[in-house]
Amino acid sequence: MRMPRPNTARERRADILAAAIRVLAREGLSEATTRKIAAEASVNQAMLGYYFGSKDDLLFAVLQEMIRATEQIVRSALPVGVDLAEAIAGSLTAFWEHVEAEPELEILQYELTLYALRRPESAWLARQQYDGYAAVVETLIAEAFAVAGVECPVPSSSLARFLIAGLDGLMLQFISDRDTTRARRDLELLIAAVGALVQTSTYGARAEREARSAGRSVRSASDAKGR
């Protein structure tokens, strides 16, 4: 009896993509040839081309997978039953633990950006990278504020870009000197800055609710007197 193939097409594609990320993170973008990626995935180059087309197509798939993995890391770390500031702090801390564990992936992110910016035909890759991360962060911010029942004090898209800019700066410094202590201290400052914005929104919403409640109580008392 003929045994079924061990991998479906989707699983084979995922295996090749994981191999590509390993090679890119280990050897860098300039040294990560399609031949090396195919060897890492235990496939021939023709199969690599069948699943991903050109090298740019493969890099775009790598980028999409890194964005998906980042979203999964942050979502899985979102604390339940805490206030808005604590939820944001928890998700940022969880993401940073991922940065410390695999700094090579952050180097790869910057390499992809520089590669794209140096090649006019690949400039879309750099835009897609930051647009993709911004979309993920913006969605998570909107969901967190919705659960808390308050409005974001600034446009969620602006807050998302602010967070990405702050994390980008921290990551670039960290992969340069691997100073974990300083990076953690600076991360706490970024969390505090975002927390200050969040608390402004939370306190404002609370004050508004209390004012409405007090107004209803006054009207009820007046109505009772009138009767």
Protein backbone atom coordinates (compact mmCIF):
# COMPACT_ATOMS: atom_id res chain seq x y z
CA MET A 1 0.00 0.00 0.00
CA ARG A 2 1.36 3.40 -1.00
CA MET A 3 1.94 5.70 1.97
CA PRO A 4 0.62 9.28 1.74
CA ARG A 5 3.13 12.04 1.15
CA PRO A 6 4.36 13.48 4.45
CA ASN A 7 3.60 17.08 3.48
CA THR A 8 0.72 18.81 1.80
CA ALA A 9 1.51 21.67 -0.58
CA ARG A 10 0.70 24.16 2.19
CA GLU A 11 2.99 22.39 4.65
CA ARG A 12 5.78 22.18 2.08
CA ARG A 13 5.47 25.89 1.39
CA ALA A 14 5.59 26.62 5.13
CA ASP A 15 8.70 24.43 5.48
CA ILE A 16 10.46 26.29 2.66
CA LEU A 17 9.50 29.64 4.16
CA ALA A 18 10.84 28.65 7.58
CA ALA A 19 14.08 27.49 5.93
CA ALA A 20 14.39 30.81 4.10
CA ILE A 21 14.01 32.74 7.35
CA ARG A 22 16.67 30.58 9.04
CA VAL A 23 19.15 31.13 6.21
CA LEU A 24 18.43 34.86 5.97
CA ALA A 25 18.78 35.33 9.73
CA ARG A 26 21.92 33.20 9.94
CA GLU A 27 23.85 34.39 6.89
CA GLY A 28 22.37 37.77 6.01
CA LEU A 29 20.52 38.92 2.95
CA SER A 30 23.56 39.28 0.70
CA GLU A 31 24.75 35.69 1.35
CA ALA A 32 21.34 34.01 1.37
CA THR A 33 21.20 32.62 -2.14
CA THR A 34 18.27 30.64 -3.47
CA ARG A 35 20.63 27.66 -3.70
CA LYS A 36 21.35 27.82 0.03
CA ILE A 37 17.67 28.27 0.86
CA ALA A 38 16.71 25.29 -1.29
CA ALA A 39 19.38 23.15 0.38
CA GLU A 40 18.19 24.20 3.84
CA ALA A 41 14.63 23.22 2.90
CA SER A 42 15.79 19.95 1.27
CA VAL A 43 14.21 20.87 -2.07
CA ASN A 44 15.65 21.73 -5.47
CA GLN A 45 15.70 25.25 -6.86
CA ALA A 46 12.97 24.44 -9.35
CA MET A 47 10.60 23.63 -6.50
CA LEU A 48 11.62 26.82 -4.72
CA GLY A 49 10.69 28.76 -7.86
CA TYR A 50 7.43 26.83 -8.18
CA TYR A 51 6.27 27.91 -4.73
CA PHE A 52 7.67 31.45 -4.59
CA GLY A 53 8.61 32.63 -8.09
CA SER A 54 11.35 35.25 -7.96
CA LYS A 55 13.63 36.06 -5.03
CA ASP A 56 11.66 39.27 -4.43
CA ASP A 57 8.49 37.18 -4.18
CA LEU A 58 10.21 34.98 -1.62
CA LEU A 59 11.36 38.02 0.39
CA PHE A 60 7.81 39.39 0.35
CA ALA A 61 6.56 36.05 1.70
CA VAL A 62 9.24 36.20 4.43
CA LEU A 63 8.09 39.69 5.33
CA GLN A 64 4.45 38.60 5.54
CA GLU A 65 5.40 35.68 7.78
CA MET A 66 7.40 37.93 10.11
CA ILE A 67 4.44 40.31 10.40
CA ARG A 68 2.10 37.37 11.11
CA ALA A 69 4.47 35.97 13.75
CA THR A 70 4.77 39.38 15.44
CA GLU A 71 1.00 39.71 15.66
CA GLN A 72 0.73 36.21 17.11
CA ILE A 73 3.39 36.95 19.75
CA VAL A 74 1.68 40.14 20.87
CA ARG A 75 -1.85 38.70 20.83
CA SER A 76 -0.86 35.63 22.82
CA ALA A 77 0.73 37.85 25.47
CA LEU A 78 -2.18 40.27 25.90
CA PRO A 79 -3.15 40.05 29.59
CA VAL A 80 -6.80 39.47 30.47
CA GLY A 81 -8.69 41.37 33.14
CA VAL A 82 -6.24 44.28 33.48
CA ASP A 83 -6.61 47.96 32.66
CA LEU A 84 -5.63 49.48 29.34
CA ALA A 85 -2.18 50.71 30.40
CA GLU A 86 -1.26 47.32 31.85
CA ALA A 87 -2.44 45.54 28.70
CA ILE A 88 -0.25 47.72 26.48
CA ALA A 89 2.72 47.37 28.83
CA GLY A 90 2.32 43.59 28.88
CA SER A 91 2.17 43.29 25.10
CA LEU A 92 5.20 45.56 24.58
CA THR A 93 7.22 43.64 27.16
CA ALA A 94 6.31 40.31 25.53
CA PHE A 95 7.39 41.63 22.13
CA TRP A 96 10.68 42.84 23.58
CA GLU A 97 11.39 39.43 25.08
CA HIS A 98 11.07 38.08 21.53
CA VAL A 99 13.58 40.70 20.32
CA GLU A 100 16.08 39.68 23.00
CA ALA A 101 15.63 35.98 22.22
CA GLU A 102 16.10 36.32 18.44
CA PRO A 103 17.91 39.57 17.59
CA GLU A 104 18.96 38.09 14.24
CA LEU A 105 15.38 38.44 13.04
CA GLU A 106 15.48 42.18 13.77
CA ILE A 107 18.73 42.47 11.80
CA LEU A 108 16.95 40.71 8.96
CA GLN A 109 14.12 43.24 9.16
CA TYR A 110 16.55 46.13 8.67
CA GLU A 111 18.36 44.29 5.89
CA LEU A 112 15.07 43.84 4.05
CA THR A 113 14.37 47.55 4.39
CA LEU A 114 17.79 48.62 3.10
CA TYR A 115 17.69 46.06 0.30
CA ALA A 116 14.38 47.44 -0.88
CA LEU A 117 15.41 51.09 -0.61
CA ARG A 118 18.55 50.47 -2.69
CA ARG A 119 16.52 48.91 -5.51
CA PRO A 120 13.85 51.16 -7.05
CA GLU A 121 11.95 48.15 -8.36
CA SER A 122 11.75 46.77 -4.80
CA ALA A 123 10.88 50.00 -2.97
CA TRP A 124 7.37 48.66 -2.42
CA LEU A 125 8.85 46.06 -0.08
CA ALA A 126 10.02 48.74 2.38
CA ARG A 127 6.64 50.46 2.29
CA GLN A 128 4.81 47.18 2.70
CA GLN A 129 6.97 46.26 5.66
CA TYR A 130 6.08 49.32 7.72
CA ASP A 131 2.52 49.52 6.45
CA GLY A 132 2.07 45.89 7.48
CA TYR A 133 3.46 46.36 10.98
CA ALA A 134 1.49 49.59 11.41
CA ALA A 135 -1.73 47.86 10.41
CA VAL A 136 -1.17 45.10 12.97
CA VAL A 137 -0.35 47.53 15.79
CA GLU A 138 -3.24 49.83 14.87
CA THR A 139 -5.68 46.91 14.99
CA LEU A 140 -4.41 45.79 18.39
CA ILE A 141 -4.66 49.34 19.75
CA ALA A 142 -8.21 49.77 18.46
CA GLU A 143 -9.25 46.44 19.98
CA ALA A 144 -7.67 47.30 23.35
CA PHE A 145 -9.43 50.66 23.54
CA ALA A 146 -12.72 49.09 22.47
CA VAL A 147 -12.49 46.49 25.25
CA ALA A 148 -11.72 49.27 27.76
CA GLY A 149 -14.69 51.27 26.50
CA VAL A 150 -12.73 54.47 25.93
CA GLU A 151 -11.59 56.45 22.90
CA CYS A 152 -7.97 56.69 21.86
CA PRO A 153 -6.72 60.23 22.68
CA VAL A 154 -4.93 60.42 19.32
CA PRO A 155 -5.71 58.65 16.04
CA SER A 156 -4.89 54.97 16.50
CA SER A 157 -2.85 55.05 13.29
CA SER A 158 -0.66 57.83 14.75
CA LEU A 159 -0.22 55.99 18.03
CA ALA A 160 0.74 52.85 16.10
CA ARG A 161 3.43 54.72 14.14
CA PHE A 162 4.68 56.32 17.38
CA LEU A 163 5.06 52.90 18.99
CA ILE A 164 6.82 51.45 15.94
CA ALA A 165 9.20 54.43 15.80
CA GLY A 166 10.06 54.02 19.47
CA LEU A 167 10.59 50.27 19.19
CA ASP A 168 12.61 50.70 15.99
CA GLY A 169 15.04 53.00 17.79
CA LEU A 170 15.35 50.64 20.75
CA MET A 171 15.88 47.61 18.50
CA LEU A 172 18.54 49.29 16.38
CA GLN A 173 20.51 50.23 19.48
CA PHE A 174 20.07 46.80 21.03
CA ILE A 175 21.27 44.81 18.02
CA SER A 176 24.28 47.15 17.89
CA ASP A 177 25.46 46.75 21.49
CA ARG A 178 23.31 43.95 23.02
CA ASP A 179 23.01 46.00 26.22
CA THR A 180 19.97 44.28 27.73
CA THR A 181 19.92 46.38 30.90
CA ARG A 182 19.90 49.70 29.10
CA ALA A 183 17.38 48.47 26.53
CA ARG A 184 14.96 47.33 29.25
CA ARG A 185 15.30 50.68 31.01
CA ASP A 186 14.58 52.56 27.80
CA LEU A 187 11.64 50.28 27.04
CA GLU A 188 10.14 51.23 30.40
CA LEU A 189 10.36 54.90 29.37
CA LEU A 190 8.53 54.17 26.12
CA ILE A 191 5.86 52.25 28.03
CA ALA A 192 5.52 55.17 30.45
CA ALA A 193 5.08 57.64 27.58
CA VAL A 194 2.34 55.53 26.01
CA GLY A 195 0.81 54.94 29.43
CA ALA A 196 0.56 58.69 30.01
CA LEU A 197 -1.47 59.05 26.82
CA VAL A 198 -3.66 56.12 27.77
CA GLN A 199 -4.28 57.41 31.28
CA THR A 200 -5.34 60.78 29.88
CA SER A 201 -7.98 59.02 27.82
CA THR A 202 -9.06 56.73 30.66
CA TYR A 203 -9.35 59.51 33.22
CA GLY A 204 -11.24 61.70 30.77
CA ALA A 205 -13.73 58.94 30.02
CA ARG A 206 -14.15 58.18 33.72
CA ALA A 207 -14.73 61.85 34.56
CA GLU A 208 -17.29 62.10 31.76
CA ARG A 209 -19.16 59.03 33.02
CA GLU A 210 -19.15 60.36 36.59
CA ALA A 211 -20.40 63.75 35.40
CA ARG A 212 -23.24 62.16 33.46
CA SER A 213 -24.10 60.01 36.47
CA ALA A 214 -24.09 63.04 38.77
CA GLY A 215 -26.27 64.94 36.31
CA ARG A 216 -28.81 62.14 36.25
CA SER A 217 -28.87 62.06 40.06
CA VAL A 218 -29.48 65.81 40.26
CA ARG A 219 -32.30 65.60 37.72
CA SER A 220 -33.86 62.68 39.57
CA ALA A 221 -33.75 64.60 42.85
CA SER A 222 -35.29 67.67 41.19
CA ASP A 223 -38.04 65.58 39.65
CA ALA A 224 -38.79 64.01 43.03
CA LYS A 225 -39.07 67.45 44.64
CA GLY A 226 -41.36 68.64 41.87
CA ARG A 227 -43.71 65.76 42.46
